[in-house]
Amino acid sequence: MRHGKKVNHLGRTSTHRKAMLSNMASSLILAKRITTTVAKAKELRKYVEPLITRGKEDSMHNRRMVYSYLGSKEAVNELFRTISVKIANRPGGYTRILKTGNRLGDAAEMCIMELVDFNELMLGSQETKTTRTTRTRRSRKKADAAPATDAAKDE
């Protein structure tokens, strides 16, 4: 039975787990993307999303609460200065987990965890899909050949 088993302990003691999640959250906030196992990423999502929600409102109380979880001034400043600006209108779901396959050594399921609003490739692909047109080779040859013959006639 799994009564009361809400947290995946990840095979660690509680202090080790808290320290690991704090370091991973700081790395995610500073780098915007990290590579980890799927189990750790799912636990990190539960840990970091409430902190990002606190980052929307910049107050001394929220800064101190986030600092108590992260323990890094640089990560707290990054969260309240740059990340909170991009996620201001988003109601939740600040992270994305992209599975990348199994690790070679122990076949652990790996993934990339990233902040949603900071993936430039996915944001840019939606805008640039309709702008490109295709041309055939034949039309280019005719276009290039036509000015050359006009120039030859003038001489």
N, C-alpha and C. Protein backbone atom coordinates (compact mmCIF):
# COMPACT_ATOMS: atom_id res chain seq x y z
N MET A 1 0.84 -1.19 0.00
CA MET A 1 0.00 0.00 0.00
C MET A 1 0.87 1.24 0.00
N ARG A 2 0.34 2.32 -0.53
CA ARG A 2 1.12 3.54 -0.60
C ARG A 2 0.44 4.67 0.18
N HIS A 3 -0.13 4.36 1.31
CA HIS A 3 -0.79 5.38 2.11
C HIS A 3 0.20 6.45 2.55
N GLY A 4 -0.11 7.71 2.27
CA GLY A 4 0.70 8.82 2.75
C GLY A 4 2.04 8.97 2.05
N LYS A 5 2.24 8.31 0.91
CA LYS A 5 3.52 8.43 0.20
C LYS A 5 3.38 9.49 -0.88
N LYS A 6 3.53 10.74 -0.49
CA LYS A 6 3.37 11.84 -1.44
C LYS A 6 4.67 12.23 -2.11
N VAL A 7 5.79 12.01 -1.44
CA VAL A 7 7.08 12.49 -1.92
C VAL A 7 7.94 11.30 -2.33
N ASN A 8 8.57 11.40 -3.47
CA ASN A 8 9.57 10.42 -3.87
C ASN A 8 10.86 10.77 -3.13
N HIS A 9 11.34 9.86 -2.29
CA HIS A 9 12.50 10.17 -1.46
C HIS A 9 13.81 10.09 -2.23
N LEU A 10 13.78 9.56 -3.44
CA LEU A 10 14.94 9.53 -4.34
C LEU A 10 16.13 8.80 -3.72
N GLY A 11 15.89 7.91 -2.78
CA GLY A 11 16.96 7.12 -2.16
C GLY A 11 17.93 7.95 -1.35
N ARG A 12 17.45 9.02 -0.75
CA ARG A 12 18.32 9.92 0.01
C ARG A 12 17.70 10.25 1.36
N THR A 13 18.53 10.71 2.28
CA THR A 13 18.00 11.21 3.54
C THR A 13 17.33 12.55 3.29
N SER A 14 16.55 13.01 4.25
CA SER A 14 15.79 14.24 4.04
C SER A 14 16.72 15.45 3.86
N THR A 15 17.80 15.52 4.62
CA THR A 15 18.71 16.67 4.48
C THR A 15 19.43 16.64 3.14
N HIS A 16 19.84 15.44 2.70
CA HIS A 16 20.50 15.32 1.40
C HIS A 16 19.53 15.69 0.28
N ARG A 17 18.28 15.25 0.39
CA ARG A 17 17.28 15.54 -0.62
C ARG A 17 16.99 17.05 -0.69
N LYS A 18 16.86 17.69 0.47
CA LYS A 18 16.61 19.15 0.49
C LYS A 18 17.78 19.92 -0.12
N ALA A 19 18.99 19.51 0.20
CA ALA A 19 20.17 20.19 -0.35
C ALA A 19 20.26 19.98 -1.86
N MET A 20 19.96 18.76 -2.32
CA MET A 20 20.02 18.47 -3.75
C MET A 20 18.97 19.28 -4.52
N LEU A 21 17.74 19.33 -4.00
CA LEU A 21 16.69 20.08 -4.68
C LEU A 21 16.98 21.58 -4.68
N SER A 22 17.56 22.08 -3.59
CA SER A 22 17.94 23.49 -3.52
C SER A 22 19.00 23.82 -4.57
N ASN A 23 20.01 22.97 -4.70
CA ASN A 23 21.06 23.19 -5.70
C ASN A 23 20.52 23.07 -7.12
N MET A 24 19.67 22.09 -7.35
CA MET A 24 19.10 21.92 -8.69
C MET A 24 18.20 23.10 -9.05
N ALA A 25 17.43 23.61 -8.09
CA ALA A 25 16.56 24.76 -8.35
C ALA A 25 17.40 26.00 -8.66
N SER A 26 18.48 26.20 -7.94
CA SER A 26 19.37 27.34 -8.22
C SER A 26 19.98 27.21 -9.61
N SER A 27 20.40 26.01 -9.97
CA SER A 27 20.98 25.80 -11.29
C SER A 27 19.96 26.03 -12.39
N LEU A 28 18.73 25.58 -12.17
CA LEU A 28 17.68 25.79 -13.17
C LEU A 28 17.38 27.27 -13.34
N ILE A 29 17.33 28.01 -12.26
CA ILE A 29 17.03 29.44 -12.35
C ILE A 29 18.16 30.20 -13.02
N LEU A 30 19.40 29.84 -12.72
CA LEU A 30 20.53 30.55 -13.31
C LEU A 30 20.78 30.16 -14.76
N ALA A 31 20.67 28.86 -15.08
CA ALA A 31 21.01 28.38 -16.43
C ALA A 31 19.79 28.28 -17.35
N LYS A 32 18.58 28.31 -16.79
CA LYS A 32 17.31 28.20 -17.54
C LYS A 32 17.06 26.80 -18.09
N ARG A 33 18.04 25.88 -18.03
CA ARG A 33 17.88 24.53 -18.55
C ARG A 33 18.92 23.63 -17.90
N ILE A 34 18.48 22.46 -17.42
CA ILE A 34 19.40 21.49 -16.84
C ILE A 34 19.05 20.10 -17.36
N THR A 35 20.02 19.19 -17.32
CA THR A 35 19.82 17.80 -17.70
C THR A 35 19.86 16.96 -16.43
N THR A 36 18.85 16.13 -16.24
CA THR A 36 18.74 15.32 -15.03
C THR A 36 17.89 14.09 -15.32
N THR A 37 17.64 13.28 -14.29
CA THR A 37 16.77 12.12 -14.48
C THR A 37 15.31 12.57 -14.37
N VAL A 38 14.41 11.76 -14.90
CA VAL A 38 12.99 12.12 -14.91
C VAL A 38 12.43 12.18 -13.49
N ALA A 39 12.83 11.25 -12.62
CA ALA A 39 12.33 11.24 -11.25
C ALA A 39 12.74 12.50 -10.50
N LYS A 40 14.00 12.91 -10.67
CA LYS A 40 14.46 14.15 -10.01
C LYS A 40 13.76 15.37 -10.59
N ALA A 41 13.53 15.37 -11.90
CA ALA A 41 12.88 16.51 -12.54
C ALA A 41 11.45 16.67 -12.05
N LYS A 42 10.74 15.55 -11.86
CA LYS A 42 9.36 15.64 -11.38
C LYS A 42 9.30 16.16 -9.95
N GLU A 43 10.27 15.78 -9.12
CA GLU A 43 10.32 16.31 -7.76
C GLU A 43 10.77 17.77 -7.76
N LEU A 44 11.68 18.11 -8.66
CA LEU A 44 12.14 19.50 -8.75
C LEU A 44 11.02 20.43 -9.20
N ARG A 45 10.15 19.94 -10.06
CA ARG A 45 9.02 20.75 -10.52
C ARG A 45 8.14 21.14 -9.34
N LYS A 46 7.88 20.19 -8.43
CA LYS A 46 7.07 20.49 -7.24
C LYS A 46 7.77 21.49 -6.32
N TYR A 47 9.10 21.49 -6.35
CA TYR A 47 9.90 22.33 -5.47
C TYR A 47 10.02 23.76 -6.01
N VAL A 48 10.23 23.89 -7.34
CA VAL A 48 10.61 25.19 -7.90
C VAL A 48 9.41 26.02 -8.36
N GLU A 49 8.32 25.39 -8.76
CA GLU A 49 7.19 26.17 -9.28
C GLU A 49 6.56 27.09 -8.23
N PRO A 50 6.38 26.66 -6.97
CA PRO A 50 5.91 27.63 -5.97
C PRO A 50 6.87 28.79 -5.74
N LEU A 51 8.18 28.52 -5.88
CA LEU A 51 9.15 29.60 -5.72
C LEU A 51 9.04 30.61 -6.85
N ILE A 52 8.80 30.13 -8.06
CA ILE A 52 8.64 31.03 -9.20
C ILE A 52 7.35 31.85 -9.05
N THR A 53 6.32 31.23 -8.51
CA THR A 53 5.08 31.97 -8.25
C THR A 53 5.31 33.08 -7.24
N ARG A 54 6.12 32.80 -6.21
CA ARG A 54 6.46 33.85 -5.24
C ARG A 54 7.26 34.96 -5.91
N GLY A 55 8.02 34.63 -6.93
CA GLY A 55 8.83 35.62 -7.62
C GLY A 55 8.03 36.65 -8.40
N LYS A 56 6.76 36.38 -8.64
CA LYS A 56 5.94 37.35 -9.38
C LYS A 56 5.74 38.65 -8.62
N GLU A 57 5.64 38.56 -7.30
CA GLU A 57 5.45 39.76 -6.48
C GLU A 57 6.74 40.06 -5.73
N ASP A 58 7.38 41.14 -6.06
CA ASP A 58 8.68 41.48 -5.48
C ASP A 58 8.47 42.21 -4.16
N SER A 59 8.57 41.48 -3.06
CA SER A 59 8.51 42.08 -1.73
C SER A 59 9.64 41.48 -0.90
N MET A 60 9.97 42.14 0.17
CA MET A 60 11.06 41.66 1.02
C MET A 60 10.71 40.30 1.61
N HIS A 61 9.45 40.11 1.98
CA HIS A 61 9.04 38.83 2.55
C HIS A 61 9.22 37.69 1.53
N ASN A 62 8.78 37.92 0.30
CA ASN A 62 8.92 36.88 -0.73
C ASN A 62 10.38 36.60 -1.04
N ARG A 63 11.21 37.63 -1.07
CA ARG A 63 12.64 37.42 -1.31
C ARG A 63 13.27 36.58 -0.20
N ARG A 64 12.90 36.85 1.03
CA ARG A 64 13.46 36.09 2.15
C ARG A 64 12.97 34.64 2.14
N MET A 65 11.71 34.44 1.79
CA MET A 65 11.18 33.08 1.73
C MET A 65 11.87 32.27 0.62
N VAL A 66 12.05 32.88 -0.54
CA VAL A 66 12.73 32.19 -1.65
C VAL A 66 14.19 31.93 -1.29
N TYR A 67 14.83 32.89 -0.63
CA TYR A 67 16.23 32.70 -0.22
C TYR A 67 16.37 31.55 0.77
N SER A 68 15.35 31.37 1.64
CA SER A 68 15.43 30.27 2.60
C SER A 68 15.38 28.92 1.90
N TYR A 69 14.76 28.84 0.73
CA TYR A 69 14.72 27.59 -0.04
C TYR A 69 15.95 27.43 -0.93
N LEU A 70 16.41 28.52 -1.55
CA LEU A 70 17.51 28.42 -2.52
C LEU A 70 18.89 28.57 -1.89
N GLY A 71 19.03 29.52 -0.98
CA GLY A 71 20.32 29.74 -0.35
C GLY A 71 21.35 30.38 -1.25
N SER A 72 20.92 31.07 -2.31
CA SER A 72 21.84 31.69 -3.25
C SER A 72 21.31 33.07 -3.64
N LYS A 73 22.09 34.09 -3.34
CA LYS A 73 21.66 35.46 -3.67
C LYS A 73 21.54 35.66 -5.17
N GLU A 74 22.47 35.07 -5.93
CA GLU A 74 22.44 35.24 -7.38
C GLU A 74 21.17 34.65 -7.97
N ALA A 75 20.77 33.48 -7.49
CA ALA A 75 19.56 32.84 -8.00
C ALA A 75 18.32 33.66 -7.63
N VAL A 76 18.30 34.20 -6.42
CA VAL A 76 17.14 35.01 -5.99
C VAL A 76 17.04 36.27 -6.84
N ASN A 77 18.17 36.93 -7.08
CA ASN A 77 18.15 38.14 -7.91
C ASN A 77 17.72 37.83 -9.33
N GLU A 78 18.19 36.73 -9.89
CA GLU A 78 17.81 36.33 -11.25
C GLU A 78 16.31 36.05 -11.32
N LEU A 79 15.79 35.39 -10.30
CA LEU A 79 14.37 35.06 -10.27
C LEU A 79 13.52 36.32 -10.22
N PHE A 80 13.86 37.25 -9.36
CA PHE A 80 13.02 38.43 -9.19
C PHE A 80 13.26 39.49 -10.27
N ARG A 81 14.40 39.49 -10.94
CA ARG A 81 14.66 40.51 -11.95
C ARG A 81 14.27 40.08 -13.36
N THR A 82 14.75 38.93 -13.82
CA THR A 82 14.52 38.56 -15.21
C THR A 82 13.40 37.56 -15.41
N ILE A 83 13.34 36.55 -14.57
CA ILE A 83 12.33 35.50 -14.77
C ILE A 83 10.93 36.03 -14.47
N SER A 84 10.79 36.80 -13.40
CA SER A 84 9.45 37.28 -13.04
C SER A 84 8.85 38.20 -14.10
N VAL A 85 9.69 38.89 -14.87
CA VAL A 85 9.20 39.76 -15.94
C VAL A 85 8.57 38.94 -17.07
N LYS A 86 9.23 37.82 -17.42
CA LYS A 86 8.73 37.01 -18.53
C LYS A 86 7.51 36.18 -18.17
N ILE A 87 7.37 35.79 -16.91
CA ILE A 87 6.27 34.91 -16.53
C ILE A 87 5.14 35.65 -15.85
N ALA A 88 5.11 36.97 -15.95
CA ALA A 88 4.13 37.75 -15.20
C ALA A 88 2.69 37.38 -15.55
N ASN A 89 2.40 37.07 -16.80
CA ASN A 89 1.01 36.78 -17.20
C ASN A 89 0.69 35.29 -17.21
N ARG A 90 1.66 34.44 -16.96
CA ARG A 90 1.43 32.99 -17.00
C ARG A 90 0.82 32.52 -15.68
N PRO A 91 -0.28 31.77 -15.72
CA PRO A 91 -0.94 31.36 -14.48
C PRO A 91 -0.31 30.15 -13.80
N GLY A 92 0.68 29.54 -14.38
CA GLY A 92 1.33 28.36 -13.80
C GLY A 92 2.02 27.59 -14.90
N GLY A 93 2.60 26.46 -14.56
CA GLY A 93 3.27 25.64 -15.57
C GLY A 93 4.50 26.32 -16.11
N TYR A 94 5.43 26.67 -15.24
CA TYR A 94 6.60 27.44 -15.63
C TYR A 94 7.73 26.57 -16.18
N THR A 95 7.66 25.26 -15.97
CA THR A 95 8.74 24.38 -16.39
C THR A 95 8.24 23.36 -17.41
N ARG A 96 9.18 22.84 -18.17
CA ARG A 96 8.89 21.82 -19.20
C ARG A 96 9.90 20.70 -19.04
N ILE A 97 9.43 19.46 -19.14
CA ILE A 97 10.31 18.29 -19.05
C ILE A 97 10.30 17.61 -20.41
N LEU A 98 11.47 17.55 -21.05
CA LEU A 98 11.63 16.89 -22.36
C LEU A 98 12.47 15.64 -22.18
N LYS A 99 11.89 14.48 -22.42
CA LYS A 99 12.61 13.22 -22.22
C LYS A 99 13.62 13.03 -23.35
N THR A 100 14.83 12.59 -22.98
CA THR A 100 15.90 12.45 -23.97
C THR A 100 16.38 11.02 -24.15
N GLY A 101 15.80 10.06 -23.46
CA GLY A 101 16.25 8.68 -23.61
C GLY A 101 16.91 8.18 -22.35
N ASN A 102 17.59 7.04 -22.45
CA ASN A 102 18.20 6.41 -21.28
C ASN A 102 19.69 6.70 -21.21
N ARG A 103 20.18 6.80 -19.96
CA ARG A 103 21.60 7.02 -19.73
C ARG A 103 22.37 5.74 -20.03
N LEU A 104 23.57 5.87 -20.55
CA LEU A 104 24.34 4.72 -21.00
C LEU A 104 24.75 3.80 -19.85
N GLY A 105 25.19 4.36 -18.74
CA GLY A 105 25.75 3.54 -17.68
C GLY A 105 24.74 2.69 -16.94
N ASP A 106 23.62 3.27 -16.52
CA ASP A 106 22.66 2.54 -15.70
C ASP A 106 21.25 2.53 -16.29
N ALA A 107 21.09 3.01 -17.49
CA ALA A 107 19.79 3.02 -18.20
C ALA A 107 18.73 3.83 -17.46
N ALA A 108 19.16 4.84 -16.70
CA ALA A 108 18.20 5.73 -16.05
C ALA A 108 17.56 6.62 -17.12
N GLU A 109 16.27 6.88 -16.96
CA GLU A 109 15.56 7.70 -17.94
C GLU A 109 15.95 9.17 -17.74
N MET A 110 16.55 9.78 -18.75
CA MET A 110 17.07 11.14 -18.65
C MET A 110 16.11 12.13 -19.32
N CYS A 111 16.27 13.40 -18.93
CA CYS A 111 15.43 14.44 -19.51
C CYS A 111 16.15 15.79 -19.41
N ILE A 112 15.59 16.74 -20.14
CA ILE A 112 16.03 18.12 -20.04
C ILE A 112 14.88 18.88 -19.39
N MET A 113 15.17 19.59 -18.32
CA MET A 113 14.16 20.41 -17.66
C MET A 113 14.51 21.86 -17.93
N GLU A 114 13.52 22.62 -18.39
CA GLU A 114 13.79 24.01 -18.75
C GLU A 114 12.64 24.90 -18.35
N LEU A 115 12.92 26.18 -18.27
CA LEU A 115 11.87 27.17 -18.04
C LEU A 115 11.18 27.45 -19.36
N VAL A 116 9.87 27.47 -19.36
CA VAL A 116 9.08 27.50 -20.60
C VAL A 116 9.34 28.75 -21.42
N ASP A 117 9.37 29.91 -20.80
CA ASP A 117 9.46 31.16 -21.54
C ASP A 117 10.88 31.50 -21.98
N PHE A 118 11.84 30.62 -21.74
CA PHE A 118 13.22 30.93 -22.10
C PHE A 118 13.76 30.03 -23.20
N ASN A 119 12.94 29.21 -23.82
CA ASN A 119 13.38 28.37 -24.94
C ASN A 119 13.13 29.15 -26.22
N GLU A 120 14.17 29.75 -26.77
CA GLU A 120 14.06 30.61 -27.95
C GLU A 120 13.68 29.82 -29.20
N LEU A 121 14.13 28.56 -29.30
CA LEU A 121 13.82 27.77 -30.48
C LEU A 121 12.33 27.46 -30.58
N MET A 122 11.72 27.10 -29.46
CA MET A 122 10.29 26.77 -29.50
C MET A 122 9.44 28.03 -29.65
N LEU A 123 9.87 29.13 -29.07
CA LEU A 123 9.11 30.37 -29.21
C LEU A 123 9.23 30.92 -30.63
N GLY A 124 10.42 30.84 -31.22
CA GLY A 124 10.65 31.38 -32.55
C GLY A 124 10.05 30.54 -33.66
N SER A 125 9.92 29.24 -33.45
CA SER A 125 9.43 28.36 -34.51
C SER A 125 7.97 28.64 -34.84
N GLN A 126 7.19 29.08 -33.88
CA GLN A 126 5.78 29.36 -34.14
C GLN A 126 5.62 30.61 -35.00
N GLU A 127 6.53 31.56 -34.89
CA GLU A 127 6.41 32.81 -35.63
C GLU A 127 6.95 32.69 -37.05
N THR A 128 7.99 31.91 -37.29
CA THR A 128 8.67 31.90 -38.58
C THR A 128 8.17 30.81 -39.53
N LYS A 129 7.16 30.05 -39.18
CA LYS A 129 6.72 28.97 -40.04
C LYS A 129 6.13 29.48 -41.35
N THR A 130 5.36 30.53 -41.34
CA THR A 130 4.64 30.97 -42.54
C THR A 130 5.41 32.01 -43.35
N THR A 131 6.54 32.48 -42.90
CA THR A 131 7.22 33.57 -43.60
C THR A 131 8.05 33.09 -44.78
N ARG A 132 8.47 31.85 -44.81
CA ARG A 132 9.37 31.39 -45.86
C ARG A 132 8.59 30.86 -47.07
N THR A 133 9.05 31.23 -48.26
CA THR A 133 8.46 30.72 -49.48
C THR A 133 9.50 29.92 -50.23
N THR A 134 9.05 29.00 -51.09
CA THR A 134 10.00 28.19 -51.85
C THR A 134 10.00 28.64 -53.30
N ARG A 135 11.14 28.47 -53.92
CA ARG A 135 11.28 28.82 -55.34
C ARG A 135 11.90 27.65 -56.07
N THR A 136 11.60 27.53 -57.32
CA THR A 136 12.21 26.46 -58.10
C THR A 136 13.51 26.95 -58.69
N ARG A 137 14.32 26.05 -59.09
CA ARG A 137 15.61 26.39 -59.66
C ARG A 137 15.44 27.07 -61.01
N ARG A 138 14.47 26.64 -61.74
CA ARG A 138 14.26 27.15 -63.08
C ARG A 138 13.99 28.66 -63.06
N SER A 139 13.16 29.10 -62.12
CA SER A 139 12.83 30.54 -62.10
C SER A 139 14.06 31.37 -61.77
N ARG A 140 14.98 30.85 -60.97
CA ARG A 140 16.18 31.60 -60.64
C ARG A 140 17.09 31.72 -61.87
N LYS A 141 17.17 30.66 -62.67
CA LYS A 141 18.02 30.73 -63.85
C LYS A 141 17.49 31.76 -64.83
N LYS A 142 16.20 31.79 -65.02
CA LYS A 142 15.61 32.77 -65.93
C LYS A 142 15.83 34.19 -65.41
N ALA A 143 15.68 34.37 -64.12
CA ALA A 143 15.85 35.70 -63.55
C ALA A 143 17.30 36.15 -63.66
N ASP A 144 18.25 35.24 -63.46
CA ASP A 144 19.66 35.60 -63.57
C ASP A 144 20.07 35.81 -65.03
N ALA A 145 19.50 35.05 -65.93
CA ALA A 145 19.90 35.13 -67.34
C ALA A 145 19.35 36.39 -68.01
N ALA A 146 18.20 36.83 -67.61
CA ALA A 146 17.55 37.98 -68.26
C ALA A 146 18.36 39.27 -68.12
N PRO A 147 18.84 39.65 -66.96
CA PRO A 147 19.62 40.89 -66.87
C PRO A 147 20.95 40.80 -67.63
N ALA A 148 21.51 39.62 -67.74
CA ALA A 148 22.78 39.46 -68.44
C ALA A 148 22.59 39.74 -69.94
N THR A 149 21.48 39.29 -70.53
CA THR A 149 21.26 39.53 -71.94
C THR A 149 20.92 40.98 -72.22
N ASP A 150 20.23 41.64 -71.29
CA ASP A 150 19.94 43.06 -71.47
C ASP A 150 21.23 43.88 -71.42
N ALA A 151 22.13 43.50 -70.55
CA ALA A 151 23.39 44.22 -70.46
C ALA A 151 24.22 44.01 -71.72
N ALA A 152 24.15 42.82 -72.32
CA ALA A 152 24.90 42.53 -73.53
C ALA A 152 24.34 43.32 -74.71
N LYS A 153 23.03 43.54 -74.75
CA LYS A 153 22.43 44.31 -75.85
C LYS A 153 22.84 45.77 -75.79
N ASP A 154 22.99 46.31 -74.59
CA ASP A 154 23.35 47.72 -74.44
C ASP A 154 24.76 47.99 -74.93
N GLU A 155 25.63 47.02 -74.85
CA GLU A 155 27.02 47.24 -75.25
C GLU A 155 27.13 47.19 -76.70
